[in-house]
Structure formats: C-alpha cells, structure tokens
N, C-alpha and C. Protein backbone atom coordinates (compact mmCIF):
# COMPACT_ATOMS: atom_id res chain seq x y z
N UNK A 1 6.24 -39.23 31.83
CA UNK A 1 6.80 -37.91 32.12
C UNK A 1 7.66 -37.30 31.00
N UNK A 2 8.36 -38.37 29.67
CA UNK A 2 9.03 -37.64 28.80
C UNK A 2 7.67 -36.97 27.55
N UNK A 3 6.62 -37.61 27.75
CA UNK A 3 5.52 -36.97 27.25
C UNK A 3 5.00 -35.86 27.48
N UNK A 4 5.06 -35.52 28.99
CA UNK A 4 4.75 -34.34 29.42
C UNK A 4 5.70 -33.22 29.06
N UNK A 5 7.06 -33.64 29.07
CA UNK A 5 8.17 -32.78 28.81
C UNK A 5 7.97 -32.10 27.15
N UNK A 6 7.61 -33.36 26.54
CA UNK A 6 7.39 -32.76 25.11
C UNK A 6 6.40 -32.02 24.74
N UNK A 7 5.44 -32.30 25.50
CA UNK A 7 4.34 -31.72 25.44
C UNK A 7 4.42 -29.93 25.93
N UNK A 8 5.14 -29.72 27.04
CA UNK A 8 5.83 -28.56 27.33
C UNK A 8 6.25 -27.89 26.65
N UNK A 9 7.50 -28.63 26.11
CA UNK A 9 8.42 -27.79 24.75
C UNK A 9 7.55 -27.56 23.88
N UNK A 10 6.70 -27.96 23.25
CA UNK A 10 5.92 -27.48 22.28
C UNK A 10 5.37 -26.77 22.56
N UNK A 11 4.68 -26.44 23.56
CA UNK A 11 3.81 -25.22 24.08
C UNK A 11 4.51 -24.01 24.06
N UNK A 12 5.76 -23.95 24.77
CA UNK A 12 6.58 -23.01 24.75
C UNK A 12 7.06 -22.64 23.16
N UNK A 13 7.62 -23.15 22.38
CA UNK A 13 7.65 -23.08 21.15
C UNK A 13 6.62 -22.32 20.64
N UNK A 14 5.37 -23.01 20.76
CA UNK A 14 4.13 -22.14 20.23
C UNK A 14 3.97 -21.13 20.66
N UNK A 15 3.96 -20.74 21.86
CA UNK A 15 3.60 -19.30 22.34
C UNK A 15 4.74 -18.44 22.21
N UNK A 16 5.94 -19.13 21.99
CA UNK A 16 7.14 -17.83 21.31
C UNK A 16 6.93 -17.53 19.78
N UNK A 17 6.47 -18.57 19.05
CA UNK A 17 6.39 -18.20 17.73
C UNK A 17 4.96 -17.46 17.72
N UNK A 18 4.02 -17.42 18.34
CA UNK A 18 2.81 -16.60 18.19
C UNK A 18 3.42 -15.18 18.70
N UNK A 19 3.93 -15.18 19.34
CA UNK A 19 4.53 -13.85 20.35
C UNK A 19 5.43 -12.93 19.20
N UNK A 20 6.42 -13.79 18.82
CA UNK A 20 7.30 -13.44 17.63
C UNK A 20 6.46 -12.67 16.52
N UNK A 21 5.45 -13.46 16.03
CA UNK A 21 4.89 -13.10 14.83
C UNK A 21 3.99 -11.68 15.08
N UNK A 22 3.43 -11.63 16.41
CA UNK A 22 2.85 -10.54 16.52
C UNK A 22 3.62 -9.45 16.52
N UNK A 23 4.90 -9.28 17.00
CA UNK A 23 5.85 -8.57 17.02
C UNK A 23 6.14 -7.99 15.71
N UNK A 24 6.32 -8.97 14.88
CA UNK A 24 6.75 -8.34 13.32
C UNK A 24 5.72 -8.14 12.63
N UNK A 25 4.45 -7.94 13.16
CA UNK A 25 3.26 -7.09 12.51
C UNK A 25 2.80 -5.87 12.76
N UNK A 26 2.66 -4.89 11.92
CA UNK A 26 2.12 -3.76 12.28
C UNK A 26 0.81 -3.17 11.75
N UNK A 27 -0.37 -3.10 12.56
CA UNK A 27 -1.33 -2.68 11.58
C UNK A 27 -1.38 -1.39 11.62
N UNK A 28 -2.06 -1.14 10.41
CA UNK A 28 -2.23 0.24 9.81
C UNK A 28 -3.54 0.92 9.94
N UNK A 29 -4.48 -0.06 10.01
CA UNK A 29 -5.88 0.42 9.83
C UNK A 29 -6.49 -0.51 11.15
N UNK A 30 -7.45 0.47 11.96
CA UNK A 30 -7.90 -0.40 13.27
C UNK A 30 -9.15 -0.61 13.12
N UNK A 31 -9.87 -0.86 11.82
CA UNK A 31 -11.23 -1.24 11.44
C UNK A 31 -12.30 -0.22 11.69
N UNK A 32 -12.10 0.98 12.61
CA UNK A 32 -12.85 1.70 12.96
C UNK A 32 -12.99 3.30 12.70
N UNK A 33 -11.65 3.79 12.43
CA UNK A 33 -11.54 5.17 11.95
C UNK A 33 -9.98 5.42 11.41
N UNK A 34 -9.69 6.53 11.00
CA UNK A 34 -8.27 7.02 10.36
C UNK A 34 -7.39 7.22 10.97
N UNK A 35 -7.38 6.61 12.56
CA UNK A 35 -6.01 6.91 13.49
C UNK A 35 -4.87 6.50 12.83
N UNK A 36 -3.73 7.39 12.71
CA UNK A 36 -2.62 6.86 12.20
C UNK A 36 -2.44 7.20 10.68
N UNK A 37 -3.21 8.09 10.32
CA UNK A 37 -3.45 8.63 8.86
C UNK A 37 -3.37 10.15 8.79
N UNK A 38 -2.61 10.50 7.68
CA UNK A 38 -2.51 11.74 7.46
C UNK A 38 -3.59 12.17 6.01
N UNK A 39 -4.52 13.02 5.84
CA UNK A 39 -5.39 12.90 4.74
C UNK A 39 -5.03 13.99 3.86
N UNK A 40 -4.83 14.25 2.66
CA UNK A 40 -4.35 15.36 1.84
C UNK A 40 -5.31 15.32 0.49
N UNK A 41 -5.71 16.22 0.15
CA UNK A 41 -6.55 16.48 -0.89
C UNK A 41 -6.35 17.68 -1.84
N UNK A 42 -6.36 17.61 -3.34
CA UNK A 42 -5.84 18.84 -3.95
C UNK A 42 -6.34 20.21 -3.19
N UNK A 43 -5.54 20.96 -3.00
CA UNK A 43 -5.95 22.25 -2.41
C UNK A 43 -7.00 23.28 -3.30
N UNK A 44 -6.79 23.04 -4.79
CA UNK A 44 -7.56 23.95 -5.67
C UNK A 44 -8.96 23.32 -5.58
N UNK A 45 -9.36 22.04 -4.86
CA UNK A 45 -10.52 21.61 -5.28
C UNK A 45 -11.72 22.09 -4.29
N UNK A 46 -11.28 22.75 -3.03
CA UNK A 46 -11.99 23.49 -1.96
C UNK A 46 -12.96 22.45 -1.33
N UNK A 47 -12.55 21.15 -1.29
CA UNK A 47 -13.28 19.94 -0.71
C UNK A 47 -12.42 19.32 0.64
N UNK A 48 -13.20 19.35 1.48
CA UNK A 48 -12.71 18.79 2.80
C UNK A 48 -12.15 17.36 2.60
N UNK A 49 -11.13 17.16 3.34
CA UNK A 49 -10.51 15.47 3.26
C UNK A 49 -11.80 14.76 3.76
N UNK A 50 -12.29 15.17 4.70
CA UNK A 50 -13.57 14.26 5.33
C UNK A 50 -14.47 13.80 4.46
N UNK A 51 -14.73 14.66 3.43
CA UNK A 51 -15.69 14.23 2.36
C UNK A 51 -14.91 13.22 1.42
N UNK A 52 -13.93 12.90 1.34
CA UNK A 52 -13.25 11.81 0.49
C UNK A 52 -12.86 10.51 1.14
N UNK A 53 -12.18 10.89 2.47
CA UNK A 53 -11.65 9.45 3.01
C UNK A 53 -12.59 9.29 4.29
N UNK A 54 -12.99 8.24 4.35
CA UNK A 54 -13.81 7.52 5.69
C UNK A 54 -13.57 6.18 5.68
N UNK A 55 -14.58 5.78 6.71
CA UNK A 55 -14.56 4.42 7.21
C UNK A 55 -16.31 4.20 7.36
N UNK A 56 -16.50 3.03 6.51
CA UNK A 56 -17.87 2.25 6.43
C UNK A 56 -17.80 0.77 6.66
N UNK A 57 -18.65 0.30 7.34
CA UNK A 57 -18.89 -1.23 7.53
C UNK A 57 -17.32 -1.85 7.83
N UNK A 58 -16.23 -1.07 8.30
CA UNK A 58 -15.27 -1.71 8.81
C UNK A 58 -14.20 -1.73 7.77
N UNK A 59 -14.46 -0.76 6.49
CA UNK A 59 -13.48 -0.97 5.53
C UNK A 59 -13.00 0.60 5.20
N UNK A 60 -12.00 1.09 4.55
CA UNK A 60 -11.68 2.27 4.18
C UNK A 60 -12.44 2.62 2.86
N UNK A 61 -13.38 3.57 2.55
CA UNK A 61 -13.81 4.16 1.49
C UNK A 61 -13.26 5.27 1.01
N UNK A 62 -12.75 5.27 -0.04
CA UNK A 62 -11.83 6.50 -0.96
C UNK A 62 -12.86 6.80 -2.00
N UNK A 63 -13.24 8.20 -2.11
CA UNK A 63 -14.29 8.48 -3.15
C UNK A 63 -13.77 8.70 -4.52
N UNK A 64 -12.45 9.07 -4.85
CA UNK A 64 -11.40 8.82 -6.02
C UNK A 64 -11.41 10.27 -6.40
N UNK A 65 -12.39 11.17 -6.16
CA UNK A 65 -12.10 12.69 -6.50
C UNK A 65 -12.61 13.36 -5.30
N UNK A 66 -11.68 14.66 -5.32
CA UNK A 66 -11.00 14.86 -6.04
C UNK A 66 -9.46 14.01 -5.80
N UNK A 67 -8.50 14.44 -6.52
CA UNK A 67 -7.30 13.93 -6.29
C UNK A 67 -6.65 14.04 -4.75
N UNK A 68 -5.85 13.22 -4.52
CA UNK A 68 -4.94 13.39 -3.26
C UNK A 68 -4.70 12.05 -2.82
N UNK A 69 -4.44 11.69 -1.68
CA UNK A 69 -3.88 10.73 -0.92
C UNK A 69 -3.83 10.69 0.84
N UNK A 70 -4.06 9.41 1.16
CA UNK A 70 -4.10 9.33 2.79
C UNK A 70 -2.95 8.89 3.01
N UNK A 71 -1.93 9.07 3.78
CA UNK A 71 -0.49 8.65 4.02
C UNK A 71 -0.28 8.27 5.71
N UNK A 72 0.35 7.14 5.94
CA UNK A 72 0.63 6.71 7.14
C UNK A 72 1.35 8.43 8.17
N UNK A 73 1.20 8.12 9.36
CA UNK A 73 1.78 9.36 9.94
C UNK A 73 3.02 9.02 10.39
N UNK A 74 3.59 7.99 10.12
CA UNK A 74 5.12 7.85 10.34
C UNK A 74 5.86 7.00 9.29
N UNK A 75 6.99 7.14 9.13
CA UNK A 75 7.75 6.50 7.85
C UNK A 75 8.13 5.17 8.31
N UNK A 76 8.57 4.17 7.24
CA UNK A 76 8.91 3.01 7.51
C UNK A 76 9.92 2.75 6.64
N UNK A 77 10.96 1.66 7.21
CA UNK A 77 12.09 1.22 6.24
C UNK A 77 11.52 0.07 5.55
N UNK A 78 12.47 -1.17 5.91
CA UNK A 78 12.27 -2.69 5.36
C UNK A 78 10.87 -2.81 6.02
N UNK A 79 10.12 -3.71 5.03
CA UNK A 79 8.93 -4.23 5.52
C UNK A 79 8.13 -4.67 4.10
N UNK A 80 7.06 -5.24 4.41
CA UNK A 80 6.10 -5.81 3.45
C UNK A 80 4.94 -5.13 3.60
N UNK A 81 4.28 -4.37 2.96
CA UNK A 81 2.82 -3.48 3.04
C UNK A 81 2.01 -4.70 2.43
N UNK A 82 1.03 -4.86 3.34
CA UNK A 82 -0.10 -5.78 2.78
C UNK A 82 -1.19 -4.80 2.64
N UNK A 83 -2.15 -4.82 1.48
CA UNK A 83 -3.39 -4.07 1.62
C UNK A 83 -4.21 -4.78 0.49
N UNK A 84 -5.42 -4.89 0.80
CA UNK A 84 -6.66 -5.55 -0.07
C UNK A 84 -7.70 -4.34 -0.35
N UNK A 85 -7.77 -4.19 -1.70
CA UNK A 85 -8.86 -3.50 -2.14
C UNK A 85 -9.58 -3.87 -3.35
N UNK A 86 -10.74 -3.12 -3.56
CA UNK A 86 -11.81 -3.65 -4.53
C UNK A 86 -12.52 -2.30 -4.85
N UNK A 87 -13.01 -2.34 -6.19
CA UNK A 87 -13.59 -1.19 -6.78
C UNK A 87 -15.05 -1.46 -6.28
N UNK A 88 -15.66 -0.21 -6.18
CA UNK A 88 -17.10 0.05 -6.02
C UNK A 88 -17.65 0.64 -7.16
N UNK A 89 -18.47 -0.18 -8.05
CA UNK A 89 -19.03 0.19 -9.38
C UNK A 89 -18.17 -0.39 -10.23
N UNK A 90 -17.78 0.68 -10.95
CA UNK A 90 -16.74 0.36 -12.18
C UNK A 90 -14.96 0.43 -11.72
N UNK A 91 -14.14 -0.19 -12.37
CA UNK A 91 -13.06 -0.09 -12.31
C UNK A 91 -12.54 1.22 -12.79
N UNK A 92 -11.63 1.98 -11.86
CA UNK A 92 -11.20 3.27 -12.44
C UNK A 92 -9.70 3.29 -12.12
N UNK A 93 -9.21 4.37 -11.23
CA UNK A 93 -7.87 4.53 -11.30
C UNK A 93 -7.60 4.93 -9.52
N UNK A 94 -6.54 4.31 -9.15
CA UNK A 94 -5.76 4.56 -7.95
C UNK A 94 -4.12 3.83 -7.77
N UNK A 95 -3.98 4.29 -6.52
CA UNK A 95 -2.45 3.38 -6.37
C UNK A 95 -2.15 3.45 -4.90
N UNK A 96 -0.86 2.83 -4.75
CA UNK A 96 -0.54 2.95 -3.38
C UNK A 96 0.97 3.54 -3.37
N UNK A 97 1.11 4.32 -3.02
CA UNK A 97 2.44 5.04 -2.90
C UNK A 97 3.55 4.52 -1.86
N UNK A 98 4.51 4.10 -2.25
CA UNK A 98 5.64 3.92 -1.18
C UNK A 98 6.71 4.87 -1.37
N UNK A 99 7.76 4.49 -0.30
CA UNK A 99 8.70 5.75 -0.10
C UNK A 99 8.55 7.04 -0.35
N UNK A 100 7.15 7.36 0.07
CA UNK A 100 6.66 8.73 0.14
C UNK A 100 7.64 9.67 1.00
N UNK A 101 8.05 10.50 0.31
CA UNK A 101 9.23 11.53 1.26
C UNK A 101 8.43 12.64 1.65
N UNK A 102 9.05 13.76 2.67
CA UNK A 102 8.40 14.68 3.19
C UNK A 102 7.82 15.69 2.21
N UNK A 103 6.89 16.67 2.65
CA UNK A 103 6.23 17.85 1.69
C UNK A 103 5.20 17.39 0.87
N UNK A 104 3.93 17.18 1.93
CA UNK A 104 2.66 16.82 0.98
C UNK A 104 2.39 17.78 0.04
N UNK A 105 1.75 17.18 -1.19
CA UNK A 105 1.58 18.08 -2.35
C UNK A 105 0.75 16.94 -3.44
N UNK A 106 0.21 17.66 -4.44
CA UNK A 106 -0.43 16.69 -5.18
C UNK A 106 0.12 15.87 -5.84
N UNK A 107 1.33 15.58 -6.34
CA UNK A 107 2.12 14.52 -6.60
C UNK A 107 3.65 14.59 -5.83
N UNK A 108 3.16 13.83 -4.52
CA UNK A 108 4.61 13.54 -3.90
C UNK A 108 5.66 12.99 -4.26
N UNK A 109 6.84 13.17 -3.70
CA UNK A 109 8.21 12.41 -4.38
C UNK A 109 7.64 11.03 -3.52
N UNK A 110 7.50 10.05 -4.53
CA UNK A 110 7.45 8.81 -4.20
C UNK A 110 7.26 7.87 -5.44
N UNK A 111 7.21 6.33 -5.12
CA UNK A 111 6.97 5.35 -6.34
C UNK A 111 5.63 4.95 -6.09
N UNK A 112 5.11 4.83 -7.14
CA UNK A 112 3.61 4.64 -7.18
C UNK A 112 3.37 3.32 -7.60
N UNK A 113 2.61 2.20 -6.75
CA UNK A 113 2.27 1.01 -7.47
C UNK A 113 0.98 1.23 -7.89
N UNK A 114 0.75 1.08 -9.15
CA UNK A 114 -0.33 1.51 -9.71
C UNK A 114 -1.32 0.20 -9.17
N UNK A 115 -2.70 0.72 -8.88
CA UNK A 115 -4.09 -0.30 -8.83
C UNK A 115 -4.83 0.25 -9.85
N UNK A 116 -4.67 1.05 -10.60
CA UNK A 116 -5.46 1.51 -11.73
C UNK A 116 -5.96 0.21 -12.61
N UNK A 117 -7.28 -0.14 -12.70
CA UNK A 117 -7.85 -1.35 -13.44
C UNK A 117 -7.41 -1.88 -14.44
N UNK A 118 -7.03 -2.89 -14.75
CA UNK A 118 -6.14 -3.38 -15.79
C UNK A 118 -4.55 -3.04 -15.80
N UNK A 119 -4.08 -2.57 -14.93
CA UNK A 119 -2.92 -2.13 -14.66
C UNK A 119 -1.90 -2.28 -13.38
N UNK A 120 -2.58 -3.16 -12.65
CA UNK A 120 -2.37 -2.88 -11.46
C UNK A 120 -0.69 -3.88 -11.14
N UNK A 121 0.09 -3.04 -10.58
CA UNK A 121 1.39 -3.49 -10.60
C UNK A 121 2.44 -2.62 -11.12
N UNK A 122 1.65 -1.96 -12.03
CA UNK A 122 2.63 -0.89 -12.80
C UNK A 122 3.38 -0.10 -11.94
N UNK A 123 4.85 0.47 -12.12
CA UNK A 123 5.25 1.29 -11.45
C UNK A 123 5.06 2.69 -12.08
N UNK A 124 5.20 4.11 -11.36
CA UNK A 124 5.07 5.23 -11.87
C UNK A 124 5.68 6.00 -10.48
N UNK A 125 6.78 7.02 -11.17
CA UNK A 125 7.62 7.66 -10.43
C UNK A 125 7.15 9.16 -10.37
N UNK A 126 6.65 9.40 -9.11
CA UNK A 126 6.01 10.64 -9.00
C UNK A 126 7.01 11.70 -8.51
N UNK A 127 6.86 12.99 -8.87
CA UNK A 127 7.57 14.21 -8.07
C UNK A 127 8.64 13.98 -7.94
N UNK A 128 9.52 13.45 -9.09
CA UNK A 128 10.73 13.60 -9.28
C UNK A 128 11.39 12.52 -8.95
N UNK A 129 11.06 11.56 -8.25
CA UNK A 129 11.66 10.06 -8.10
C UNK A 129 12.29 9.39 -9.18
N UNK A 130 13.11 8.41 -8.89
CA UNK A 130 13.63 7.77 -9.65
C UNK A 130 14.06 6.30 -9.47
N UNK A 131 14.00 5.45 -10.65
CA UNK A 131 14.44 4.19 -10.31
C UNK A 131 15.44 3.80 -11.29
N UNK A 132 16.31 2.80 -11.04
CA UNK A 132 17.21 2.72 -11.71
C UNK A 132 17.00 1.75 -13.16
N UNK A 133 16.04 1.06 -13.14
CA UNK A 133 15.70 0.20 -14.18
C UNK A 133 14.81 1.00 -15.43
N UNK A 134 14.67 2.37 -15.17
CA UNK A 134 14.07 3.12 -16.22
C UNK A 134 14.81 4.56 -16.16
N UNK A 135 14.92 5.02 -17.62
CA UNK A 135 15.31 6.41 -17.70
C UNK A 135 14.12 7.19 -17.55
N UNK A 136 14.04 7.97 -16.51
CA UNK A 136 13.01 8.68 -16.28
C UNK A 136 12.90 10.18 -17.33
N UNK A 137 12.65 10.00 -18.38
CA UNK A 137 12.93 11.14 -19.29
C UNK A 137 11.40 11.80 -19.32
N UNK A 138 10.30 11.25 -18.70
CA UNK A 138 9.10 12.05 -18.92
C UNK A 138 8.62 12.32 -17.32
N UNK A 139 7.55 13.10 -17.24
CA UNK A 139 7.08 13.25 -15.96
C UNK A 139 6.68 12.24 -15.11
N UNK A 140 5.76 11.51 -15.79
CA UNK A 140 5.36 10.02 -15.08
C UNK A 140 5.66 8.97 -15.90
N UNK A 141 6.91 8.35 -16.14
CA UNK A 141 6.90 7.29 -16.92
C UNK A 141 6.82 5.88 -16.14
N UNK A 142 6.17 5.12 -16.90
CA UNK A 142 5.89 3.83 -16.18
C UNK A 142 6.30 2.74 -16.60
N UNK A 143 6.69 1.70 -15.65
CA UNK A 143 7.53 0.62 -16.09
C UNK A 143 6.81 -0.52 -16.21
N UNK A 144 7.09 -1.21 -17.21
CA UNK A 144 6.15 -2.38 -17.85
C UNK A 144 6.08 -3.54 -16.95
N UNK A 145 4.89 -4.23 -16.99
CA UNK A 145 4.42 -5.01 -16.12
C UNK A 145 5.08 -6.51 -16.72
N UNK A 146 4.76 -7.29 -15.43
CA UNK A 146 5.23 -9.07 -15.75
C UNK A 146 4.09 -9.52 -16.36
N UNK A 147 3.01 -9.17 -15.79
CA UNK A 147 1.69 -9.62 -16.02
C UNK A 147 0.72 -9.08 -15.60
N UNK A 148 -0.75 -9.93 -15.80
CA UNK A 148 -1.75 -9.08 -15.12
C UNK A 148 -2.60 -10.35 -14.40
N UNK A 149 -2.93 -10.00 -13.00
CA UNK A 149 -3.17 -11.04 -12.22
C UNK A 149 -4.43 -10.48 -11.41
N UNK A 150 -5.43 -9.59 -11.85
CA UNK A 150 -6.11 -8.77 -10.95
C UNK A 150 -7.71 -9.78 -11.06
N UNK A 151 -8.16 -9.46 -10.28
CA UNK A 151 -9.58 -10.15 -10.21
C UNK A 151 -10.36 -9.35 -10.56
N UNK A 152 -11.92 -9.85 -11.32
CA UNK A 152 -12.77 -9.10 -11.64
C UNK A 152 -13.14 -7.99 -10.88
N UNK A 153 -13.55 -6.81 -11.43
CA UNK A 153 -14.16 -5.82 -10.80
C UNK A 153 -15.11 -5.95 -9.52
N UNK A 154 -15.25 -5.35 -8.31
CA UNK A 154 -16.08 -5.61 -7.28
C UNK A 154 -15.20 -6.87 -6.48
N UNK A 155 -14.51 -7.74 -7.09
CA UNK A 155 -13.74 -8.44 -6.12
C UNK A 155 -12.81 -8.13 -5.19
N UNK A 156 -12.23 -8.37 -4.11
CA UNK A 156 -11.30 -8.14 -3.37
C UNK A 156 -10.05 -8.84 -3.92
N UNK A 157 -8.95 -7.87 -3.95
CA UNK A 157 -7.47 -8.04 -4.64
C UNK A 157 -6.53 -7.98 -3.35
N UNK A 158 -5.28 -8.57 -3.42
CA UNK A 158 -4.28 -8.31 -2.38
C UNK A 158 -3.13 -7.74 -3.35
N UNK A 159 -2.36 -6.83 -2.58
CA UNK A 159 -1.34 -6.23 -2.80
C UNK A 159 -0.22 -6.26 -1.75
N UNK A 160 0.79 -6.82 -2.37
CA UNK A 160 2.13 -6.98 -1.12
C UNK A 160 3.23 -6.32 -1.95
N UNK A 161 3.69 -5.43 -1.17
CA UNK A 161 4.74 -4.53 -1.76
C UNK A 161 5.90 -4.78 -0.74
N UNK A 162 6.99 -5.40 -1.36
CA UNK A 162 8.28 -5.84 -0.29
C UNK A 162 9.19 -4.66 -0.26
N UNK A 163 9.69 -3.94 0.73
CA UNK A 163 10.39 -2.67 0.45
C UNK A 163 11.82 -3.45 1.45
N UNK A 164 12.72 -3.64 0.87
CA UNK A 164 13.96 -4.13 1.25
C UNK A 164 15.16 -3.19 0.82
N UNK A 165 15.70 -2.54 1.90
CA UNK A 165 16.47 -1.61 1.39
C UNK A 165 16.24 -0.61 0.38
N UNK A 166 16.75 -0.48 -0.89
CA UNK A 166 16.24 0.48 -1.93
C UNK A 166 15.35 -0.14 -3.23
N UNK A 167 15.27 -1.52 -2.72
CA UNK A 167 14.64 -2.29 -3.77
C UNK A 167 13.05 -2.47 -3.46
N UNK A 168 12.43 -2.59 -4.38
CA UNK A 168 10.82 -2.64 -4.19
C UNK A 168 10.27 -3.92 -5.00
N UNK A 169 9.55 -4.77 -4.32
CA UNK A 169 9.17 -5.82 -5.25
C UNK A 169 7.46 -5.91 -4.97
N UNK A 170 6.92 -6.25 -6.15
CA UNK A 170 5.27 -6.00 -5.99
C UNK A 170 4.76 -7.53 -6.45
N UNK A 171 3.79 -7.92 -5.48
CA UNK A 171 2.83 -9.13 -5.99
C UNK A 171 1.44 -8.78 -5.89
N UNK A 172 0.90 -9.18 -7.01
CA UNK A 172 -0.59 -8.82 -6.90
C UNK A 172 -1.35 -10.37 -6.81
N UNK A 173 -2.11 -10.58 -5.81
CA UNK A 173 -2.83 -11.99 -5.55
C UNK A 173 -2.00 -12.94 -5.68
N UNK A 174 -0.59 -12.63 -5.01
CA UNK A 174 0.20 -13.73 -4.78
C UNK A 174 1.21 -13.92 -6.01
N UNK A 175 1.17 -12.98 -7.00
CA UNK A 175 1.88 -13.42 -8.31
C UNK A 175 2.67 -12.24 -8.49
N UNK A 176 4.06 -12.43 -8.59
CA UNK A 176 5.25 -11.53 -8.68
C UNK A 176 4.67 -10.84 -9.99
N UNK A 177 4.55 -9.17 -9.84
CA UNK A 177 4.00 -8.43 -10.96
C UNK A 177 5.29 -7.40 -11.21
N UNK A 178 6.25 -6.86 -10.41
CA UNK A 178 7.17 -6.00 -10.86
C UNK A 178 8.14 -5.80 -9.81
N UNK A 179 9.28 -5.48 -10.09
CA UNK A 179 10.46 -4.95 -9.42
C UNK A 179 11.20 -3.94 -9.79
N UNK A 180 11.91 -3.17 -8.71
CA UNK A 180 12.44 -1.86 -9.21
C UNK A 180 13.29 -1.49 -8.13
N UNK A 181 14.49 -0.52 -8.33
CA UNK A 181 15.41 -0.29 -7.29
C UNK A 181 15.45 1.23 -7.58
N UNK A 182 14.84 1.89 -6.07
CA UNK A 182 15.03 3.47 -6.22
C UNK A 182 15.81 3.89 -5.23
N UNK A 183 15.95 5.20 -5.11
CA UNK A 183 16.86 6.13 -4.47
C UNK A 183 16.92 6.28 -2.92
N UNK A 184 15.63 5.74 -2.44
CA UNK A 184 15.47 5.92 -0.96
C UNK A 184 15.06 4.68 -0.28
N UNK A 185 15.28 4.39 1.14
CA UNK A 185 15.31 3.37 1.88
C UNK A 185 14.40 3.31 3.22
N UNK A 186 13.68 4.55 2.99
CA UNK A 186 12.44 4.73 3.97
C UNK A 186 11.59 5.62 3.59
N UNK A 187 10.35 5.74 3.89
CA UNK A 187 9.53 6.74 3.45
C UNK A 187 7.99 6.30 4.35
N UNK A 188 6.84 7.35 3.88
CA UNK A 188 5.70 7.03 4.33
C UNK A 188 4.84 5.91 3.34
N UNK A 189 3.83 5.29 3.39
CA UNK A 189 2.89 4.59 2.93
C UNK A 189 1.71 5.59 2.60
N UNK A 190 0.96 5.24 1.43
CA UNK A 190 -0.27 6.01 1.06
C UNK A 190 -1.09 5.29 0.14
N UNK A 191 -2.33 5.63 0.29
CA UNK A 191 -3.47 5.21 -0.40
C UNK A 191 -3.74 6.52 -1.29
N UNK A 192 -4.20 6.02 -2.71
CA UNK A 192 -4.58 7.66 -3.43
C UNK A 192 -5.81 7.47 -3.75
N UNK A 193 -6.39 8.74 -3.90
CA UNK A 193 -7.60 9.07 -4.34
C UNK A 193 -7.40 9.46 -5.94
N UNK A 194 -7.93 8.97 -6.92
CA UNK A 194 -7.35 9.56 -8.44
C UNK A 194 -8.69 9.35 -9.07
N UNK A 195 -9.45 8.37 -8.85
CA UNK A 195 -10.41 8.10 -9.99
C UNK A 195 -11.81 7.94 -9.70
N UNK A 196 -12.15 6.62 -9.41
CA UNK A 196 -13.61 6.51 -8.66
C UNK A 196 -13.59 5.74 -7.35
N UNK A 197 -14.67 5.61 -6.60
CA UNK A 197 -14.89 4.98 -5.45
C UNK A 197 -14.11 3.35 -5.25
N UNK A 198 -13.43 3.33 -4.31
CA UNK A 198 -12.82 2.05 -4.05
C UNK A 198 -12.51 1.90 -2.37
N UNK A 199 -12.35 0.56 -2.18
CA UNK A 199 -12.38 0.27 -0.71
C UNK A 199 -11.19 -0.43 -0.05
N UNK A 200 -10.56 -0.19 1.01
CA UNK A 200 -9.57 -1.07 1.37
C UNK A 200 -9.88 -1.46 2.74
N UNK A 201 -9.12 -2.45 3.07
CA UNK A 201 -9.19 -3.57 4.02
C UNK A 201 -7.76 -4.30 4.48
N UNK A 202 -8.00 -4.46 5.63
CA UNK A 202 -6.37 -5.60 5.97
C UNK A 202 -5.12 -4.95 5.52
N UNK A 203 -5.07 -3.85 6.14
CA UNK A 203 -3.75 -3.03 5.89
C UNK A 203 -2.98 -3.14 6.99
N UNK A 204 -1.68 -3.88 6.86
CA UNK A 204 -0.68 -3.80 7.67
C UNK A 204 0.84 -4.23 6.89
N UNK A 205 1.76 -3.88 7.85
CA UNK A 205 3.20 -4.07 7.59
C UNK A 205 4.00 -5.34 8.48
N UNK A 206 4.38 -6.24 7.65
CA UNK A 206 5.26 -7.25 8.44
C UNK A 206 6.65 -7.07 8.20
N UNK A 207 7.50 -7.35 9.07
CA UNK A 207 9.13 -7.11 9.06
C UNK A 207 9.44 -8.41 8.14
C-alpha cells in the first residue's frame, strides 16, 4: 500500500511538473510556415518579403539581402528567447533584435544582439535606443563582448537572450557573453536579414 501511494504521489508530481513546464514555454516557430511573424524588407529594394524569408526543410531560411527583419506579431515582457542559427556557406552578418518598439523601419528602435560571424553577442543600439552601460555618441555604438564562443561556420549555434525588467543578458552556446540595461521592459523579438544566407530553428520563449 505504501509503495502504491508513493508511486501515485510521484506520478502526480511528474504530471504537474510536465504541465507546468509546457505552460512556461511559448513556441515562436511551428516548423512549417511563418505564422506569428511579420516580415519587413527595405522598401527601396523593390523586393518582396517572400523572396527573403521562408521555410525550407523545417527551418527558417533568411537570404540576408536586402536588409530587413522578421518580427513576432506580439510583444513580450520578461522571458528568455532561445534561438538556434547557422550560416549557409560563408559566415556573414545578422542579428537578434530584442525589445523592438512599434514603427517598422529599416533600423527600428531595438537592442540588437549581434550574430555577425566572429562577433556574436555584441550589443548594437538601433533606432535611438539606449543602454545605461554605454554612452551612445555614435549612430550604432557597439558594446564590447565578454568572449567569443561561436561554433565553426556551418554548425548550429545557440543564442539565449534573457530579458528581465530592463536588463538583457546574452548567452552564446551556454556561455555568458554580454549584459546591459535598457530603457524598455517589453517589445517584439526579430530575426535580421543583413549579410548572407542563414537558417534558424527551435525558436521559443520560456518564462
């Protein structure tokens, strides 16, 4: 009887933990299409967004040219963005935009977590955004990195961006890369098109 009671209790705890874990995770990519995303391309390019952003073999493929980004349809506050990326061909330039504010334009008001090959984890202040740790005296000032933890070009990398209040902390492949304090406590997330082709997978937010 005691064994049965113990097993029953353990099962209840396991089920509760599983349900609680599922409720704390929000999938941003369904693996088949770009539902839940809004795509923006430099208007002067004359290129349709569908030619820049798409889904191939269960991953998001971004062509890298022309400039632009695809952002979530809704804003998010506290949470950790998990995104995996790899370069197709050579390593070029891209980024994750966090705390993106309203008003789609080529350089929106946002904090960019660089994915530029060799500089993943750098911070770039876009569209007039500010961070307390850096005096923003240039158009796109960049915050120094803690280290360099990227995998070789062609291999998958993991970026985790922790947003809590107005603090942003970046981990690249599980290693602390950067931290900053910004002015906003919510915003959209976005994936950038800026250099060459790259792919994204397993994009989600956990509380």
